[in-house]
PDB file of N, CA and C in Angstrom:
ATOM      1  N   MET A   1      35.274 -12.492 -37.085  1.00  0.00           N
ATOM      2  CA  MET A   1      35.259 -11.456 -38.830  1.00  0.00           C
ATOM      3  C   MET A   1      34.711 -12.501 -39.549  1.00  0.00           C
ATOM      4  N   TRP A   2      33.903 -11.750 -40.332  1.00  0.00           N
ATOM      5  CA  TRP A   2      32.813 -11.364 -41.081  1.00  0.00           C
ATOM      6  C   TRP A   2      33.248 -11.045 -42.595  1.00  0.00           C
ATOM      7  N   THR A   3      33.270 -11.780 -43.934  1.00  0.00           N
ATOM      8  CA  THR A   3      33.459 -10.933 -44.853  1.00  0.00           C
ATOM      9  C   THR A   3      32.071 -11.348 -45.758  1.00  0.00           C
ATOM     10  N   LEU A   4      32.073  -9.843 -46.682  1.00  0.00           N
ATOM     11  CA  LEU A   4      31.503 -10.019 -47.777  1.00  0.00           C
ATOM     12  C   LEU A   4      31.981  -9.764 -49.199  1.00  0.00           C
ATOM     13  N   GLN A   5      31.697 -10.883 -50.206  1.00  0.00           N
ATOM     14  CA  GLN A   5      32.933 -10.923 -51.030  1.00  0.00           C
ATOM     15  C   GLN A   5      31.954 -10.645 -52.215  1.00  0.00           C
ATOM     16  N   SER A   6      31.759  -9.750 -53.744  1.00  0.00           N
ATOM     17  CA  SER A   6      31.082  -9.830 -54.576  1.00  0.00           C
ATOM     18  C   SER A   6      31.159 -10.547 -55.210  1.00  0.00           C
ATOM     19  N   ILE A   7      30.410 -10.933 -56.021  1.00  0.00           N
ATOM     20  CA  ILE A   7      30.428 -12.792 -57.131  1.00  0.00           C
ATOM     21  C   ILE A   7      30.332 -12.160 -58.475  1.00  0.00           C
ATOM     22  N   ASP A   8      29.935 -10.609 -58.935  1.00  0.00           N
ATOM     23  CA  ASP A   8      30.234 -10.053 -60.276  1.00  0.00           C
ATOM     24  C   ASP A   8      31.362 -10.094 -61.607  1.00  0.00           C
ATOM     25  N   PRO A   9      31.147 -11.189 -62.133  1.00  0.00           N
ATOM     26  CA  PRO A   9      32.477 -11.039 -62.765  1.00  0.00           C
ATOM     27  C   PRO A   9      32.732 -10.103 -63.626  1.00  0.00           C
ATOM     28  N   VAL A  10      31.859  -9.273 -63.823  1.00  0.00           N
ATOM     29  CA  VAL A  10      32.381  -7.921 -64.554  1.00  0.00           C
ATOM     30  C   VAL A  10      32.424  -6.740 -64.533  1.00  0.00           C
ATOM     31  N   ASP A  11      32.098  -6.130 -62.837  1.00  0.00           N
ATOM     32  CA  ASP A  11      32.617  -5.308 -62.257  1.00  0.00           C
ATOM     33  C   ASP A  11      33.676  -5.741 -61.316  1.00  0.00           C
ATOM     34  N   ALA A  12      34.136  -4.592 -61.218  1.00  0.00           N
ATOM     35  CA  ALA A  12      35.488  -4.799 -59.450  1.00  0.00           C
ATOM     36  C   ALA A  12      35.211  -5.601 -58.500  1.00  0.00           C
ATOM     37  N   GLN A  13      35.739  -6.109 -58.078  1.00  0.00           N
ATOM     38  CA  GLN A  13      34.806  -7.209 -56.903  1.00  0.00           C
ATOM     39  C   GLN A  13      35.317  -6.064 -55.750  1.00  0.00           C
ATOM     40  N   LEU A  14      34.342  -6.167 -54.784  1.00  0.00           N
ATOM     41  CA  LEU A  14      33.714  -5.775 -53.203  1.00  0.00           C
ATOM     42  C   LEU A  14      33.896  -6.491 -52.271  1.00  0.00           C
ATOM     43  N   ILE A  15      34.732  -6.157 -51.416  1.00  0.00           N
ATOM     44  CA  ILE A  15      35.141  -7.474 -50.339  1.00  0.00           C
ATOM     45  C   ILE A  15      34.953  -6.273 -49.060  1.00  0.00           C
ATOM     46  N   PHE A  16      33.872  -6.830 -48.181  1.00  0.00           N
ATOM     47  CA  PHE A  16      33.600  -6.356 -47.170  1.00  0.00           C
ATOM     48  C   PHE A  16      33.969  -6.953 -45.480  1.00  0.00           C
ATOM     49  N   ARG A  17      34.759  -5.792 -44.911  1.00  0.00           N
ATOM     50  CA  ARG A  17      34.936  -6.661 -43.600  1.00  0.00           C
ATOM     51  C   ARG A  17      33.891  -6.666 -42.296  1.00  0.00           C
ATOM     52  N   LEU A  18      33.873  -7.027 -41.657  1.00  0.00           N
ATOM     53  CA  LEU A  18      32.737  -7.176 -40.306  1.00  0.00           C
ATOM     54  C   LEU A  18      33.837  -7.492 -39.006  1.00  0.00           C
ATOM     55  N   LEU A  19      33.656  -7.239 -37.773  1.00  0.00           N
ATOM     56  CA  LEU A  19      34.274  -7.226 -36.994  1.00  0.00           C
ATOM     57  C   LEU A  19      33.327  -7.584 -36.107  1.00  0.00           C
ATOM     58  N   PRO A  20      33.313  -8.481 -34.488  1.00  0.00           N
ATOM     59  CA  PRO A  20      32.253  -8.686 -33.544  1.00  0.00           C
ATOM     60  C   PRO A  20      32.237  -7.262 -33.145  1.00  0.00           C
ATOM     61  N   GLY A  21      30.635  -6.615 -32.607  1.00  0.00           N
ATOM     62  CA  GLY A  21      30.190  -5.301 -31.938  1.00  0.00           C
ATOM     63  C   GLY A  21      30.191  -4.484 -32.813  1.00  0.00           C
ATOM     64  N   THR A  22      30.528  -4.610 -34.407  1.00  0.00           N
ATOM     65  CA  THR A  22      30.144  -3.655 -35.514  1.00  0.00           C
ATOM     66  C   THR A  22      28.759  -3.912 -36.044  1.00  0.00           C
ATOM     67  N   LEU A  23      28.467  -2.171 -36.192  1.00  0.00           N
ATOM     68  CA  LEU A  23      27.499  -2.262 -37.345  1.00  0.00           C
ATOM     69  C   LEU A  23      27.841  -1.314 -38.713  1.00  0.00           C
ATOM     70  N   LYS A  24      27.468  -2.020 -39.548  1.00  0.00           N
ATOM     71  CA  LYS A  24      27.167  -1.089 -40.377  1.00  0.00           C
ATOM     72  C   LYS A  24      26.640  -1.293 -41.667  1.00  0.00           C
ATOM     73  N   THR A  25      25.990   0.095 -42.905  1.00  0.00           N
ATOM     74  CA  THR A  25      25.667   0.233 -43.547  1.00  0.00           C
ATOM     75  C   THR A  25      25.920  -0.467 -44.539  1.00  0.00           C
ATOM     76  N   ILE A  26      24.911  -0.101 -45.640  1.00  0.00           N
ATOM     77  CA  ILE A  26      25.084  -0.613 -46.834  1.00  0.00           C
ATOM     78  C   ILE A  26      24.721   0.578 -48.023  1.00  0.00           C
ATOM     79  N   GLY A  27      24.928   0.946 -49.112  1.00  0.00           N
ATOM     80  CA  GLY A  27      24.090   1.960 -49.987  1.00  0.00           C
ATOM     81  C   GLY A  27      25.050   2.578 -50.830  1.00  0.00           C
ATOM     82  N   ARG A  28      24.588   3.818 -51.415  1.00  0.00           N
ATOM     83  CA  ARG A  28      25.119   4.220 -52.887  1.00  0.00           C
ATOM     84  C   ARG A  28      25.583   5.505 -51.989  1.00  0.00           C
ATOM     85  N   ALA A  29      24.972   6.327 -51.154  1.00  0.00           N
ATOM     86  CA  ALA A  29      25.490   7.622 -50.265  1.00  0.00           C
ATOM     87  C   ALA A  29      27.240   7.625 -49.744  1.00  0.00           C
ATOM     88  N   PRO A  30      27.339   8.489 -50.012  1.00  0.00           N
ATOM     89  CA  PRO A  30      28.640   8.732 -49.614  1.00  0.00           C
ATOM     90  C   PRO A  30      29.137   8.755 -48.137  1.00  0.00           C
ATOM     91  N   GLY A  31      28.017   8.482 -47.473  1.00  0.00           N
ATOM     92  CA  GLY A  31      28.224   8.520 -45.712  1.00  0.00           C
ATOM     93  C   GLY A  31      27.908   6.934 -45.311  1.00  0.00           C
ATOM     94  N   VAL A  32      27.591   5.875 -46.430  1.00  0.00           N
ATOM     95  CA  VAL A  32      27.258   5.123 -45.471  1.00  0.00           C
ATOM     96  C   VAL A  32      28.708   4.172 -45.185  1.00  0.00           C
ATOM     97  N   ASP A  33      28.671   3.576 -44.725  1.00  0.00           N
ATOM     98  CA  ASP A  33      30.002   2.134 -44.143  1.00  0.00           C
ATOM     99  C   ASP A  33      30.455   1.617 -45.518  1.00  0.00           C
ATOM    100  N   PHE A  34      29.551   0.983 -46.396  1.00  0.00           N
ATOM    101  CA  PHE A  34      30.322   0.066 -47.319  1.00  0.00           C
ATOM    102  C   PHE A  34      29.615   0.678 -48.645  1.00  0.00           C
ATOM    103  N   VAL A  35      30.178   1.548 -49.382  1.00  0.00           N
ATOM    104  CA  VAL A  35      29.742   2.390 -50.950  1.00  0.00           C
ATOM    105  C   VAL A  35      29.310   1.436 -51.906  1.00  0.00           C
ATOM    106  N   VAL A  36      27.978   1.075 -52.470  1.00  0.00           N
ATOM    107  CA  VAL A  36      28.240  -0.217 -53.496  1.00  0.00           C
ATOM    108  C   VAL A  36      26.993   1.219 -54.297  1.00  0.00           C
ATOM    109  N   ASP A  37      27.533   1.637 -55.376  1.00  0.00           N
ATOM    110  CA  ASP A  37      27.760   2.140 -56.848  1.00  0.00           C
ATOM    111  C   ASP A  37      27.396   1.335 -57.142  1.00  0.00           C
ATOM    112  N   ALA A  38      25.640   0.953 -57.476  1.00  0.00           N
ATOM    113  CA  ALA A  38      25.057   0.109 -58.282  1.00  0.00           C
ATOM    114  C   ALA A  38      23.732   0.424 -58.967  1.00  0.00           C
ATOM    115  N   ALA A  39      23.067  -0.027 -59.728  1.00  0.00           N
ATOM    116  CA  ALA A  39      21.617  -0.226 -60.346  1.00  0.00           C
ATOM    117  C   ALA A  39      20.815  -0.585 -59.236  1.00  0.00           C
ATOM    118  N   LEU A  40      19.662   0.005 -58.943  1.00  0.00           N
ATOM    119  CA  LEU A  40      18.772  -0.696 -58.065  1.00  0.00           C
ATOM    120  C   LEU A  40      19.332  -0.670 -56.458  1.00  0.00           C
ATOM    121  N   VAL A  41      20.253  -0.328 -55.850  1.00  0.00           N
ATOM    122  CA  VAL A  41      20.585  -0.015 -54.317  1.00  0.00           C
ATOM    123  C   VAL A  41      20.035   1.646 -54.352  1.00  0.00           C
ATOM    124  N   SER A  42      20.195   1.047 -52.795  1.00  0.00           N
ATOM    125  CA  SER A  42      19.169   2.485 -52.349  1.00  0.00           C
ATOM    126  C   SER A  42      20.340   3.159 -51.582  1.00  0.00           C
ATOM    127  N   ARG A  43      20.195   4.739 -51.899  1.00  0.00           N
ATOM    128  CA  ARG A  43      21.382   5.567 -50.946  1.00  0.00           C
ATOM    129  C   ARG A  43      21.679   5.004 -49.302  1.00  0.00           C
ATOM    130  N   VAL A  44      20.972   4.835 -48.473  1.00  0.00           N
ATOM    131  CA  VAL A  44      21.071   3.650 -47.809  1.00  0.00           C
ATOM    132  C   VAL A  44      19.943   2.668 -47.653  1.00  0.00           C
ATOM    133  N   HIS A  45      20.763   1.294 -47.874  1.00  0.00           N
ATOM    134  CA  HIS A  45      19.916   0.265 -48.477  1.00  0.00           C
ATOM    135  C   HIS A  45      19.615  -1.024 -46.884  1.00  0.00           C
ATOM    136  N   CYS A  46      20.699  -1.288 -46.532  1.00  0.00           N
ATOM    137  CA  CYS A  46      20.099  -1.926 -45.373  1.00  0.00           C
ATOM    138  C   CYS A  46      21.618  -1.741 -44.177  1.00  0.00           C
ATOM    139  N   ARG A  47      21.241  -2.343 -43.253  1.00  0.00           N
ATOM    140  CA  ARG A  47      22.009  -2.633 -41.853  1.00  0.00           C
ATOM    141  C   ARG A  47      23.009  -3.830 -41.813  1.00  0.00           C
ATOM    142  N   LEU A  48      24.135  -4.001 -41.691  1.00  0.00           N
ATOM    143  CA  LEU A  48      24.643  -5.531 -40.725  1.00  0.00           C
ATOM    144  C   LEU A  48      25.237  -4.828 -39.770  1.00  0.00           C
ATOM    145  N   THR A  49      24.549  -6.094 -38.493  1.00  0.00           N
ATOM    146  CA  THR A  49      25.523  -5.623 -37.087  1.00  0.00           C
ATOM    147  C   THR A  49      25.926  -7.036 -37.186  1.00  0.00           C
ATOM    148  N   LEU A  50      26.991  -6.963 -36.652  1.00  0.00           N
ATOM    149  CA  LEU A  50      27.693  -8.726 -36.221  1.00  0.00           C
ATOM    150  C   LEU A  50      27.950  -8.693 -34.496  1.00  0.00           C
ATOM    151  N   SER A  51      27.185  -9.346 -33.853  1.00  0.00           N
ATOM    152  CA  SER A  51      27.215  -9.339 -32.241  1.00  0.00           C
ATOM    153  C   SER A  51      28.882  -9.171 -32.005  1.00  0.00           C
ATOM    154  N   GLU A  52      28.578  -9.272 -30.869  1.00  0.00           N
ATOM    155  CA  GLU A  52      29.898  -9.944 -29.838  1.00  0.00           C
ATOM    156  C   GLU A  52      30.181 -11.088 -29.858  1.00  0.00           C
ATOM    157  N   ALA A  53      28.521 -11.898 -29.715  1.00  0.00           N
ATOM    158  CA  ALA A  53      28.711 -13.527 -29.810  1.00  0.00           C
ATOM    159  C   ALA A  53      28.767 -14.186 -31.591  1.00  0.00           C
ATOM    160  N   ASN A  54      29.267 -13.167 -32.118  1.00  0.00           N
ATOM    161  CA  ASN A  54      29.222 -13.402 -33.679  1.00  0.00           C
ATOM    162  C   ASN A  54      28.625 -13.482 -34.730  1.00  0.00           C
ATOM    163  N   GLU A  55      27.210 -13.128 -34.284  1.00  0.00           N
ATOM    164  CA  GLU A  55      25.853 -13.557 -35.117  1.00  0.00           C
ATOM    165  C   GLU A  55      25.661 -11.872 -36.350  1.00  0.00           C
ATOM    166  N   LEU A  56      25.640 -12.616 -37.166  1.00  0.00           N
ATOM    167  CA  LEU A  56      25.474 -11.524 -37.989  1.00  0.00           C
ATOM    168  C   LEU A  56      24.211 -11.295 -38.855  1.00  0.00           C
ATOM    169  N   LEU A  57      23.545 -10.154 -38.451  1.00  0.00           N
ATOM    170  CA  LEU A  57      22.453 -10.013 -38.742  1.00  0.00           C
ATOM    171  C   LEU A  57      22.482  -8.356 -39.819  1.00  0.00           C
ATOM    172  N   LEU A  58      21.143  -8.747 -40.498  1.00  0.00           N
ATOM    173  CA  LEU A  58      21.064  -7.913 -41.562  1.00  0.00           C
ATOM    174  C   LEU A  58      19.713  -7.710 -41.798  1.00  0.00           C
ATOM    175  N   GLU A  59      19.235  -6.269 -41.740  1.00  0.00           N
ATOM    176  CA  GLU A  59      18.224  -5.270 -41.745  1.00  0.00           C
ATOM    177  C   GLU A  59      17.928  -4.685 -42.984  1.00  0.00           C
ATOM    178  N   ASP A  60      16.587  -4.609 -43.636  1.00  0.00           N
ATOM    179  CA  ASP A  60      16.909  -3.545 -45.239  1.00  0.00           C
ATOM    180  C   ASP A  60      15.924  -2.277 -44.028  1.00  0.00           C
ATOM    181  N   LEU A  61      16.825  -1.236 -44.708  1.00  0.00           N
ATOM    182  CA  LEU A  61      15.963   0.205 -44.466  1.00  0.00           C
ATOM    183  C   LEU A  61      15.036   1.041 -45.264  1.00  0.00           C
ATOM    184  N   GLY A  62      14.258   0.513 -45.426  1.00  0.00           N
ATOM    185  CA  GLY A  62      13.331   0.718 -46.596  1.00  0.00           C
ATOM    186  C   GLY A  62      13.928   0.764 -47.768  1.00  0.00           C
ATOM    187  N   SER A  63      14.453  -0.115 -48.417  1.00  0.00           N
ATOM    188  CA  SER A  63      15.023  -0.203 -49.408  1.00  0.00           C
ATOM    189  C   SER A  63      14.231  -0.370 -50.935  1.00  0.00           C
ATOM    190  N   THR A  64      14.307   0.238 -52.034  1.00  0.00           N
ATOM    191  CA  THR A  64      13.254   0.600 -52.612  1.00  0.00           C
ATOM    192  C   THR A  64      13.015  -0.787 -53.648  1.00  0.00           C
ATOM    193  N   ASN A  65      14.179  -1.027 -53.897  1.00  0.00           N
ATOM    194  CA  ASN A  65      14.220  -2.581 -54.723  1.00  0.00           C
ATOM    195  C   ASN A  65      14.422  -3.889 -53.301  1.00  0.00           C
ATOM    196  N   GLY A  66      14.869  -3.864 -52.360  1.00  0.00           N
ATOM    197  CA  GLY A  66      14.439  -4.724 -51.094  1.00  0.00           C
ATOM    198  C   GLY A  66      15.954  -5.209 -51.477  1.00  0.00           C
ATOM    199  N   THR A  67      16.009  -5.961 -50.306  1.00  0.00           N
ATOM    200  CA  THR A  67      17.436  -6.775 -49.656  1.00  0.00           C
ATOM    201  C   THR A  67      16.899  -8.499 -50.115  1.00  0.00           C
ATOM    202  N   PHE A  68      18.038  -9.473 -50.366  1.00  0.00           N
ATOM    203  CA  PHE A  68      17.269 -10.261 -50.859  1.00  0.00           C
ATOM    204  C   PHE A  68      18.506 -11.822 -50.217  1.00  0.00           C
ATOM    205  N   VAL A  69      18.072 -12.508 -49.312  1.00  0.00           N
ATOM    206  CA  VAL A  69      19.166 -13.881 -49.080  1.00  0.00           C
ATOM    207  C   VAL A  69      18.646 -14.681 -49.451  1.00  0.00           C
ATOM    208  N   ASN A  70      19.542 -14.965 -50.174  1.00  0.00           N
ATOM    209  CA  ASN A  70      19.345 -16.929 -50.906  1.00  0.00           C
ATOM    210  C   ASN A  70      18.145 -16.642 -52.356  1.00  0.00           C
ATOM    211  N   GLY A  71      17.949 -15.481 -52.715  1.00  0.00           N
ATOM    212  CA  GLY A  71      16.500 -15.173 -53.286  1.00  0.00           C
ATOM    213  C   GLY A  71      15.661 -15.010 -53.137  1.00  0.00           C
ATOM    214  N   GLN A  72      15.496 -14.970 -51.624  1.00  0.00           N
ATOM    215  CA  GLN A  72      14.154 -14.667 -50.684  1.00  0.00           C
ATOM    216  C   GLN A  72      14.080 -12.715 -50.200  1.00  0.00           C
ATOM    217  N   LYS A  73      13.137 -12.302 -50.737  1.00  0.00           N
ATOM    218  CA  LYS A  73      13.189 -10.699 -49.867  1.00  0.00           C
ATOM    219  C   LYS A  73      12.911 -11.013 -48.776  1.00  0.00           C
ATOM    220  N   VAL A  74      13.313  -9.964 -47.607  1.00  0.00           N
ATOM    221  CA  VAL A  74      13.670 -10.224 -46.276  1.00  0.00           C
ATOM    222  C   VAL A  74      13.982  -8.844 -46.249  1.00  0.00           C
ATOM    223  N   ALA A  75      12.855  -8.837 -44.744  1.00  0.00           N
ATOM    224  CA  ALA A  75      13.299  -7.047 -44.040  1.00  0.00           C
ATOM    225  C   ALA A  75      14.447  -7.290 -42.708  1.00  0.00           C
ATOM    226  N   ARG A  76      14.260  -8.436 -42.178  1.00  0.00           N
ATOM    227  CA  ARG A  76      15.342  -9.093 -41.614  1.00  0.00           C
ATOM    228  C   ARG A  76      15.928 -10.580 -41.325  1.00  0.00           C
ATOM    229  N   ALA A  77      17.000 -10.866 -40.876  1.00  0.00           N
ATOM    230  CA  ALA A  77      17.534 -11.935 -41.094  1.00  0.00           C
ATOM    231  C   ALA A  77      18.936 -12.340 -40.635  1.00  0.00           C
ATOM    232  N   THR A  78      19.012 -13.466 -40.135  1.00  0.00           N
ATOM    233  CA  THR A  78      20.172 -14.147 -39.463  1.00  0.00           C
ATOM    234  C   THR A  78      21.104 -14.367 -40.365  1.00  0.00           C
ATOM    235  N   LEU A  79      22.229 -13.696 -40.864  1.00  0.00           N
ATOM    236  CA  LEU A  79      22.994 -14.843 -41.882  1.00  0.00           C
ATOM    237  C   LEU A  79      23.831 -15.680 -41.608  1.00  0.00           C
ATOM    238  N   ALA A  80      24.272 -16.494 -42.501  1.00  0.00           N
ATOM    239  CA  ALA A  80      24.749 -17.975 -42.116  1.00  0.00           C
ATOM    240  C   ALA A  80      26.239 -17.862 -43.219  1.00  0.00           C
ATOM    241  N   ASP A  81      26.865 -19.116 -42.952  1.00  0.00           N
ATOM    242  CA  ASP A  81      28.109 -19.024 -43.573  1.00  0.00           C
ATOM    243  C   ASP A  81      27.710 -19.062 -44.808  1.00  0.00           C
ATOM    244  N   GLY A  82      28.047 -18.935 -46.267  1.00  0.00           N
ATOM    245  CA  GLY A  82      27.950 -19.284 -47.678  1.00  0.00           C
ATOM    246  C   GLY A  82      26.506 -18.425 -47.950  1.00  0.00           C
ATOM    247  N   ASP A  83      25.477 -17.826 -46.978  1.00  0.00           N
ATOM    248  CA  ASP A  83      24.745 -16.963 -47.782  1.00  0.00           C
ATOM    249  C   ASP A  83      24.810 -16.330 -48.801  1.00  0.00           C
ATOM    250  N   LYS A  84      23.881 -15.927 -50.012  1.00  0.00           N
ATOM    251  CA  LYS A  84      23.920 -15.653 -50.661  1.00  0.00           C
ATOM    252  C   LYS A  84      23.553 -13.753 -50.262  1.00  0.00           C
ATOM    253  N   LEU A  85      23.858 -12.565 -50.280  1.00  0.00           N
ATOM    254  CA  LEU A  85      22.995 -11.778 -50.000  1.00  0.00           C
ATOM    255  C   LEU A  85      23.515 -10.640 -51.428  1.00  0.00           C
ATOM    256  N   THR A  86      21.903 -10.466 -51.792  1.00  0.00           N
ATOM    257  CA  THR A  86      21.248  -9.375 -52.911  1.00  0.00           C
ATOM    258  C   THR A  86      21.247  -7.922 -52.384  1.00  0.00           C
ATOM    259  N   VAL A  87      21.896  -7.154 -53.035  1.00  0.00           N
ATOM    260  CA  VAL A  87      21.781  -5.781 -52.629  1.00  0.00           C
ATOM    261  C   VAL A  87      21.302  -4.909 -54.252  1.00  0.00           C
ATOM    262  N   GLY A  88      20.487  -4.578 -54.696  1.00  0.00           N
ATOM    263  CA  GLY A  88      20.390  -3.913 -56.021  1.00  0.00           C
ATOM    264  C   GLY A  88      20.662  -5.165 -56.767  1.00  0.00           C
ATOM    265  N   ARG A  89      21.350  -5.426 -57.766  1.00  0.00           N
ATOM    266  CA  ARG A  89      21.889  -5.867 -58.576  1.00  0.00           C
ATOM    267  C   ARG A  89      23.515  -6.801 -57.960  1.00  0.00           C
ATOM    268  N   VAL A  90      23.582  -6.516 -57.185  1.00  0.00           N
ATOM    269  CA  VAL A  90      25.322  -6.925 -56.661  1.00  0.00           C
ATOM    270  C   VAL A  90      25.118  -8.511 -55.563  1.00  0.00           C
ATOM    271  N   GLU A  91      26.051  -9.564 -55.956  1.00  0.00           N
ATOM    272  CA  GLU A  91      25.438 -10.223 -55.027  1.00  0.00           C
ATOM    273  C   GLU A  91      26.677 -10.876 -54.343  1.00  0.00           C
ATOM    274  N   PHE A  92      26.445 -10.763 -53.148  1.00  0.00           N
ATOM    275  CA  PHE A  92      27.812 -11.023 -52.170  1.00  0.00           C
ATOM    276  C   PHE A  92      27.387 -12.559 -51.407  1.00  0.00           C
ATOM    277  N   VAL A  93      28.703 -13.216 -51.416  1.00  0.00           N
ATOM    278  CA  VAL A  93      28.814 -14.622 -50.832  1.00  0.00           C
ATOM    279  C   VAL A  93      28.998 -14.018 -49.091  1.00  0.00           C
ATOM    280  N   VAL A  94      28.588 -14.241 -48.356  1.00  0.00           N
ATOM    281  CA  VAL A  94      28.639 -14.109 -46.892  1.00  0.00           C
ATOM    282  C   VAL A  94      29.537 -15.304 -46.276  1.00  0.00           C
ATOM    283  N   ASN A  95      30.765 -15.000 -45.564  1.00  0.00           N
ATOM    284  CA  ASN A  95      32.169 -15.582 -45.650  1.00  0.00           C
ATOM    285  C   ASN A  95      32.362 -15.538 -44.088  1.00  0.00           C
ATOM    286  N   ALA A  96      32.218 -16.938 -43.204  1.00  0.00           N
ATOM    287  CA  ALA A  96      32.513 -16.365 -41.529  1.00  0.00           C
ATOM    288  C   ALA A  96      33.862 -17.122 -41.275  1.00  0.00           C
ATOM    289  N   GLU A  97      34.333 -16.099 -40.958  1.00  0.00           N
ATOM    290  CA  GLU A  97      36.128 -16.517 -40.938  1.00  0.00           C
ATOM    291  C   GLU A  97      36.797 -17.059 -39.375  1.00  0.00           C
ATOM    292  N   SER A  98      37.013 -17.530 -39.073  1.00  0.00           N
ATOM    293  CA  SER A  98      37.932 -17.753 -37.657  1.00  0.00           C
ATOM    294  C   SER A  98      39.115 -16.749 -38.020  1.00  0.00           C
ATOM    295  N   GLN A  99      39.467 -16.573 -36.468  1.00  0.00           N
ATOM    296  CA  GLN A  99      40.624 -15.593 -36.791  1.00  0.00           C
ATOM    297  C   GLN A  99      41.630 -16.187 -36.857  1.00  0.00           C
ATOM    298  N   GLY A 100      42.195 -17.263 -37.100  1.00  0.00           N
ATOM    299  CA  GLY A 100      43.433 -17.738 -37.586  1.00  0.00           C
ATOM    300  C   GLY A 100      43.554 -18.471 -39.178  1.00  0.00           C
ATOM    301  N   SER A 101      42.162 -18.524 -39.215  1.00  0.00           N
ATOM    302  CA  SER A 101      42.502 -19.268 -40.950  1.00  0.00           C
ATOM    303  C   SER A 101      43.031 -18.191 -42.107  1.00  0.00           C
ATOM    304  N   VAL A 102      43.122 -18.836 -42.731  1.00  0.00           N
ATOM    305  CA  VAL A 102      44.247 -18.905 -44.266  1.00  0.00           C
ATOM    306  C   VAL A 102      43.560 -19.390 -44.999  1.00  0.00           C
ATOM    307  N   SER A 103      43.818 -17.899 -46.052  1.00  0.00           N
ATOM    308  CA  SER A 103      42.789 -18.066 -47.849  1.00  0.00           C
ATOM    309  C   SER A 103      43.036 -19.400 -48.114  1.00  0.00           C
ATOM    310  N   ARG A 104      42.413 -20.463 -48.551  1.00  0.00           N
ATOM    311  CA  ARG A 104      42.629 -21.867 -49.056  1.00  0.00           C
ATOM    312  C   ARG A 104      43.554 -21.556 -50.548  1.00  0.00           C
ATOM    313  N   ALA A 105      43.163 -20.882 -51.009  1.00  0.00           N
ATOM    314  CA  ALA A 105      43.359 -20.648 -52.419  1.00  0.00           C
ATOM    315  C   ALA A 105      45.208 -20.186 -52.604  1.00  0.00           C
ATOM    316  N   SER A 106      45.386 -19.171 -51.212  1.00  0.00           N
ATOM    317  CA  SER A 106      46.802 -18.732 -51.432  1.00  0.00           C
ATOM    318  C   SER A 106      47.772 -19.746 -50.132  1.00  0.00           C
ATOM    319  N   SER A 107      47.000 -21.010 -50.072  1.00  0.00           N
ATOM    320  CA  SER A 107      47.989 -21.798 -49.426  1.00  0.00           C
ATOM    321  C   SER A 107      47.831 -23.162 -49.883  1.00  0.00           C
ATOM    322  N   ARG A 108      47.496 -23.115 -51.259  1.00  0.00           N
ATOM    323  CA  ARG A 108      47.441 -24.232 -52.396  1.00  0.00           C
ATOM    324  C   ARG A 108      48.493 -24.345 -53.258  1.00  0.00           C
ATOM    325  N   SER A 109      49.260 -25.333 -53.519  1.00  0.00           N
ATOM    326  CA  SER A 109      50.292 -25.078 -54.450  1.00  0.00           C
ATOM    327  C   SER A 109      49.469 -25.551 -56.221  1.00  0.00           C
ATOM    328  N   PRO A 110      49.947 -25.445 -56.993  1.00  0.00           N
ATOM    329  CA  PRO A 110      49.736 -25.893 -58.325  1.00  0.00           C
ATOM    330  C   PRO A 110      50.194 -27.196 -58.479  1.00  0.00           C
ATOM    331  N   ALA A 111      48.818 -27.533 -59.187  1.00  0.00           N
ATOM    332  CA  ALA A 111      49.143 -28.961 -59.284  1.00  0.00           C
ATOM    333  C   ALA A 111      50.104 -29.310 -60.305  1.00  0.00           C
ATOM    334  N   MET A 112      50.769 -30.248 -60.395  1.00  0.00           N
ATOM    335  CA  MET A 112      51.560 -30.285 -61.009  1.00  0.00           C
ATOM    336  C   MET A 112      51.170 -31.510 -62.261  1.00  0.00           C
ATOM    337  N   PRO A 113      51.729 -31.843 -63.580  1.00  0.00           N
ATOM    338  CA  PRO A 113      51.917 -32.223 -63.920  1.00  0.00           C
ATOM    339  C   PRO A 113      51.701 -33.712 -64.261  1.00  0.00           C
TER     340      PRO A 113
END
């Protein structure tokens, strides 16, 4: 499974999950799979395809303001763990998760003084 997690400290956090063999669209329109209701996001902005081989492919769908990976405007790209995907003004961190992974934050104990 892969996740996209928004990193905007002001707005509510968005987390999108993708399973192998799925195709998902991102945009403002109510009919897209992942709705991002934010400035500069097109109605149907881009598409993510996660292959059965666990390869995450990104395709811009003719968005007005473009789709960016690590600050570079792209028409198509293969995403990697840790990449930063920008759609409109919303930035996401791309995370590849193994099936048995446990969130590091939830598995740590607070530091003792």
